[in-house]
Amino acid sequence: MEVKKRFPELEHHKFRVVYDDTEDNRLPISSDDDLRACMAESTVKGGQLIKMYVLLDT
């Protein structure tokens, strides 16, 4: 997974990647389709920046 490559400290932790949609719902990114939806949301907002959150599961 690309996230583990960029953040090796997550190697032994469970985590999830999420983003906030146009209605401020926090949605998961767990597949390519989810990532495409996130990118489409960003385009609708007129943004060129996508803010994603990496959350550790407890």
Protein backbone atom coordinates (compact mmCIF):
# COMPACT_ATOMS: atom_id res chain seq x y z
CA MET A 1 0.00 0.00 0.00
CA GLU A 2 1.32 3.43 -0.96
CA VAL A 3 0.48 4.97 2.43
CA LYS A 4 2.80 2.54 4.21
CA LYS A 5 5.58 3.43 1.78
CA ARG A 6 5.22 7.13 2.57
CA PHE A 7 4.66 6.62 6.30
CA PRO A 8 6.73 3.59 7.33
CA GLU A 9 5.85 4.19 11.00
CA LEU A 10 2.37 2.88 10.16
CA GLU A 11 3.74 -0.53 9.16
CA HIS A 12 2.49 -2.30 12.30
CA HIS A 13 -0.67 -0.29 12.86
CA LYS A 14 -4.20 -0.52 11.55
CA PHE A 15 -5.28 2.71 9.91
CA ARG A 16 -7.72 4.14 7.41
CA VAL A 17 -7.62 7.00 4.95
CA VAL A 18 -10.62 9.33 4.77
CA TYR A 19 -11.66 12.66 3.26
CA ASP A 20 -14.49 15.15 3.75
CA ASP A 21 -17.00 15.37 0.89
CA THR A 22 -18.90 18.48 -0.23
CA GLU A 23 -21.47 17.92 2.54
CA ASP A 24 -18.72 17.55 5.19
CA ASN A 25 -19.30 13.82 5.54
CA ARG A 26 -16.10 11.95 6.33
CA LEU A 27 -15.80 9.16 3.78
CA PRO A 28 -13.27 6.31 3.50
CA ILE A 29 -10.80 5.83 0.68
CA SER A 30 -10.29 2.09 0.54
CA SER A 31 -10.31 1.42 -3.22
CA ASP A 32 -9.50 3.02 -6.55
CA ASP A 33 -13.20 3.83 -6.99
CA ASP A 34 -13.22 5.66 -3.64
CA LEU A 35 -10.16 7.63 -4.70
CA ARG A 36 -11.82 8.57 -8.01
CA ALA A 37 -14.91 9.76 -6.09
CA CYS A 38 -12.67 11.83 -3.81
CA MET A 39 -10.98 13.40 -6.83
CA ALA A 40 -14.35 14.14 -8.45
CA GLU A 41 -15.52 15.82 -5.21
CA SER A 42 -12.43 18.01 -5.27
CA THR A 43 -13.18 19.06 -8.85
CA VAL A 44 -16.78 19.93 -7.91
CA LYS A 45 -15.45 22.11 -5.09
CA GLY A 46 -13.21 23.86 -7.62
CA GLY A 47 -10.16 22.86 -5.67
CA GLN A 48 -6.84 21.57 -6.79
CA LEU A 49 -5.91 20.28 -3.37
CA ILE A 50 -7.28 17.13 -1.77
CA LYS A 51 -7.06 16.94 2.00
CA MET A 52 -6.94 13.35 3.20
CA TYR A 53 -6.64 12.13 6.76
CA VAL A 54 -4.81 9.04 7.97
CA LEU A 55 -6.55 7.82 11.10
CA LEU A 56 -5.18 5.16 13.40
CA ASP A 57 -7.70 2.52 14.41
CA THR A 58 -7.75 1.75 18.09
